[in-house]
Amino acid sequence: MAEAHVRIDEGIKRGPKKQRIALKRSRSEYGASPIIPATLDPREVLERYLSEPRTSQIAESYGVTRSNLVRWLREVVPDEWKQVQIVRALIFKEDGNEGLDTADNALMLARAREMVKSAQWELERLDSKNYGAKQEVTVVNEIRLETVLDGVCTKLLEKIGASQQVLQVIDVQADTLQHDSDKTK
């Protein structure tokens, strides 16, 4: 029983452990520069962003990293960048809707559904005014003074012992007032 826990290599002395030195490489060693070229036009990049499927391909063609390209666009043209992202999300949503219509199997249908959900999520975050969930509640408190006053007046007149004819005249006048107020609305 004691032999079960004995290591196979017990008794063989190991040599000293080698120290590994981790080398950190900068992005420029991978072929992309962290510096955006001064001649780069942000409008041209935004047009390519709408027509090409991957931002990494655009960044690679300019010789910069994707994260630096996106950061630069956000700093240089923030409003245009947001609008282009909204347009791209709308295109993605349309592609998903088209996929829902043309799905041949369950996998294609599930993929199209996920595309639509993803695009809707992005649109809610990018443009919550137009695509966000509407959670407004409008409460209208309307008190009809004519009805309240009519009931109070009738009770007062009954207490003071007004005749039945006076009560009928008041009811007719109250109905007339009610009819007139309904017409004005």
Protein backbone atom coordinates (compact mmCIF):
# COMPACT_ATOMS: atom_id res chain seq x y z
CA MET A 1 0.00 0.00 0.00
CA ALA A 2 2.80 2.39 0.81
CA GLU A 3 4.31 1.76 -2.60
CA ALA A 4 1.34 3.32 -4.42
CA HIS A 5 2.36 6.87 -3.60
CA VAL A 6 5.99 6.54 -4.54
CA ARG A 7 6.97 8.49 -7.62
CA ILE A 8 8.51 6.68 -10.53
CA ASP A 9 11.42 9.06 -10.78
CA GLU A 10 12.16 9.04 -7.08
CA GLY A 11 15.82 8.73 -6.55
CA ILE A 12 16.72 10.46 -9.82
CA LYS A 13 18.17 13.80 -9.03
CA ARG A 14 16.97 16.69 -11.14
CA GLY A 15 19.14 19.42 -12.39
CA PRO A 16 18.69 23.08 -11.47
CA LYS A 17 15.60 24.85 -12.78
CA LYS A 18 16.17 27.15 -15.68
CA GLN A 19 15.09 30.72 -15.19
CA ARG A 20 12.78 31.87 -17.97
CA ILE A 21 12.83 35.48 -18.91
CA ALA A 22 9.58 36.73 -20.37
CA LEU A 23 10.16 39.09 -23.23
CA LYS A 24 7.53 41.72 -23.77
CA ARG A 25 7.08 42.69 -27.34
CA SER A 26 5.59 45.94 -28.40
CA ARG A 27 2.85 46.06 -31.00
CA SER A 28 5.28 47.56 -33.48
CA GLU A 29 7.21 44.28 -33.50
CA TYR A 30 4.08 42.53 -34.80
CA GLY A 31 3.92 44.84 -37.80
CA ALA A 32 1.49 47.51 -36.57
CA SER A 33 2.50 50.93 -35.37
CA PRO A 34 0.86 52.59 -32.38
CA ILE A 35 1.21 55.97 -34.11
CA ILE A 36 -1.49 57.19 -36.49
CA PRO A 37 -0.05 58.69 -39.70
CA ALA A 38 -0.55 62.46 -39.94
CA THR A 39 -1.84 62.18 -43.51
CA LEU A 40 -4.66 59.81 -42.54
CA ASP A 41 -8.11 61.30 -43.27
CA PRO A 42 -10.73 60.28 -40.67
CA ARG A 43 -13.58 60.64 -43.19
CA GLU A 44 -11.90 58.09 -45.48
CA VAL A 45 -11.53 55.66 -42.56
CA LEU A 46 -15.22 56.12 -41.64
CA GLU A 47 -16.27 55.37 -45.23
CA ARG A 48 -14.20 52.21 -45.20
CA TYR A 49 -15.70 51.30 -41.82
CA LEU A 50 -19.13 51.26 -43.43
CA SER A 51 -18.07 49.19 -46.44
CA GLU A 52 -15.62 46.69 -44.92
CA PRO A 53 -16.64 44.00 -42.44
CA ARG A 54 -13.66 44.15 -40.05
CA THR A 55 -12.02 47.10 -38.35
CA SER A 56 -8.85 45.06 -37.93
CA GLN A 57 -8.48 44.86 -41.75
CA ILE A 58 -8.77 48.64 -42.04
CA ALA A 59 -6.21 49.20 -39.28
CA GLU A 60 -3.84 46.66 -40.82
CA SER A 61 -4.00 48.39 -44.20
CA TYR A 62 -2.88 51.64 -42.57
CA GLY A 63 -0.23 49.89 -40.48
CA VAL A 64 -1.75 50.77 -37.09
CA THR A 65 -3.40 48.77 -34.34
CA ARG A 66 -7.17 48.47 -34.25
CA SER A 67 -7.43 49.88 -30.73
CA ASN A 68 -5.36 52.94 -31.67
CA LEU A 69 -7.41 53.52 -34.80
CA VAL A 70 -10.69 53.38 -32.86
CA ARG A 71 -9.30 55.62 -30.09
CA TRP A 72 -8.10 58.12 -32.69
CA LEU A 73 -11.50 58.20 -34.42
CA ARG A 74 -13.26 58.76 -31.10
CA GLU A 75 -10.96 61.69 -30.34
CA VAL A 76 -10.85 63.32 -33.79
CA VAL A 77 -14.45 62.90 -35.02
CA PRO A 78 -16.58 61.69 -32.08
CA ASP A 79 -20.01 62.60 -33.46
CA GLU A 80 -19.33 61.18 -36.92
CA TRP A 81 -17.87 58.03 -35.34
CA LYS A 82 -21.05 57.50 -33.33
CA GLN A 83 -23.28 58.07 -36.38
CA VAL A 84 -21.27 55.60 -38.45
CA GLN A 85 -21.56 53.01 -35.67
CA ILE A 86 -25.34 53.52 -35.62
CA VAL A 87 -25.52 53.05 -39.40
CA ARG A 88 -23.39 49.92 -39.19
CA ALA A 89 -25.64 48.51 -36.43
CA LEU A 90 -28.70 49.22 -38.59
CA ILE A 91 -27.10 47.40 -41.52
CA PHE A 92 -26.26 44.49 -39.23
CA LYS A 93 -29.87 44.41 -38.02
CA GLU A 94 -31.16 44.40 -41.60
CA ASP A 95 -28.80 41.52 -42.43
CA GLY A 96 -30.18 39.63 -39.45
CA ASN A 97 -33.78 40.29 -40.49
CA GLU A 98 -32.98 39.10 -43.99
CA GLY A 99 -31.38 36.01 -42.49
CA LEU A 100 -34.58 35.33 -40.54
CA ASP A 101 -36.53 35.37 -43.79
CA THR A 102 -34.14 33.16 -45.74
CA ALA A 103 -32.97 30.70 -43.05
CA ASP A 104 -32.88 27.13 -44.40
CA ASN A 105 -32.06 25.35 -41.16
CA ALA A 106 -32.09 25.83 -37.40
CA LEU A 107 -28.47 26.94 -37.23
CA MET A 108 -28.95 29.73 -39.78
CA LEU A 109 -32.13 30.80 -37.98
CA ALA A 110 -30.36 30.94 -34.62
CA ARG A 111 -27.47 32.91 -36.12
CA ALA A 112 -29.87 35.43 -37.68
CA ARG A 113 -31.73 35.80 -34.38
CA GLU A 114 -28.48 36.50 -32.57
CA MET A 115 -27.49 39.07 -35.21
CA VAL A 116 -30.78 40.91 -34.69
CA LYS A 117 -30.45 40.82 -30.89
CA SER A 118 -26.87 42.04 -31.05
CA ALA A 119 -27.74 44.90 -33.39
CA GLN A 120 -30.71 45.90 -31.23
CA TRP A 121 -28.50 45.92 -28.15
CA GLU A 122 -25.94 48.14 -29.88
CA LEU A 123 -28.63 50.50 -31.14
CA GLU A 124 -30.09 50.82 -27.64
CA ARG A 125 -26.68 51.80 -26.29
CA LEU A 126 -25.65 54.06 -29.15
CA ASP A 127 -28.95 55.86 -29.68
CA SER A 128 -31.19 55.29 -26.67
CA LYS A 129 -33.40 58.23 -27.64
CA ASN A 130 -34.64 56.50 -30.80
CA TYR A 131 -34.04 52.82 -30.03
CA GLY A 132 -34.08 52.55 -26.24
CA ALA A 133 -36.87 51.11 -24.18
CA LYS A 134 -39.55 53.69 -23.53
CA GLN A 135 -40.31 53.64 -19.83
CA GLU A 136 -42.25 56.85 -19.52
CA VAL A 137 -45.48 56.84 -17.58
CA THR A 138 -47.93 59.70 -17.94
CA VAL A 139 -50.45 60.14 -15.16
CA VAL A 140 -53.33 62.55 -15.58
CA ASN A 141 -55.20 63.50 -12.44
CA GLU A 142 -58.42 65.18 -13.41
CA ILE A 143 -60.97 66.22 -10.85
CA ARG A 144 -64.39 67.16 -12.14
CA LEU A 145 -65.36 70.11 -9.95
CA GLU A 146 -68.82 70.25 -11.44
CA THR A 147 -69.59 66.75 -10.20
CA VAL A 148 -68.11 67.40 -6.76
CA LEU A 149 -69.85 70.76 -6.34
CA ASP A 150 -73.13 69.36 -7.63
CA GLY A 151 -73.14 66.66 -4.98
CA VAL A 152 -72.17 69.09 -2.22
CA CYS A 153 -74.85 71.62 -3.24
CA THR A 154 -77.53 68.93 -3.35
CA LYS A 155 -76.61 67.74 0.15
CA LEU A 156 -76.63 71.30 1.48
CA LEU A 157 -80.00 72.06 -0.05
CA GLU A 158 -81.44 68.83 1.38
CA LYS A 159 -80.15 69.77 4.83
CA ILE A 160 -81.72 73.19 4.75
CA GLY A 161 -84.96 71.69 3.50
CA ALA A 162 -85.15 73.09 -0.01
CA SER A 163 -88.18 72.10 -1.99
CA GLN A 164 -88.14 69.30 -4.56
CA GLN A 165 -88.66 71.84 -7.39
CA VAL A 166 -85.45 73.72 -6.46
CA LEU A 167 -83.50 70.43 -6.46
CA GLN A 168 -84.83 69.55 -9.94
CA VAL A 169 -83.81 72.99 -11.29
CA ILE A 170 -80.31 72.53 -9.87
CA ASP A 171 -80.04 69.05 -11.44
CA VAL A 172 -81.08 70.44 -14.85
CA GLN A 173 -78.54 73.28 -14.60
CA ALA A 174 -75.81 70.85 -13.53
CA ASP A 175 -76.56 68.61 -16.52
CA THR A 176 -76.39 71.65 -18.81
CA LEU A 177 -73.01 72.64 -17.36
CA GLN A 178 -71.76 69.07 -17.75
CA HIS A 179 -72.93 68.97 -21.40
CA ASP A 180 -71.26 72.33 -22.15
CA SER A 181 -67.94 71.30 -20.58
CA ASP A 182 -67.94 68.05 -22.58
CA LYS A 183 -68.39 70.02 -25.80
CA THR A 184 -65.38 72.24 -25.11
CA LYS A 185 -63.10 69.23 -24.75
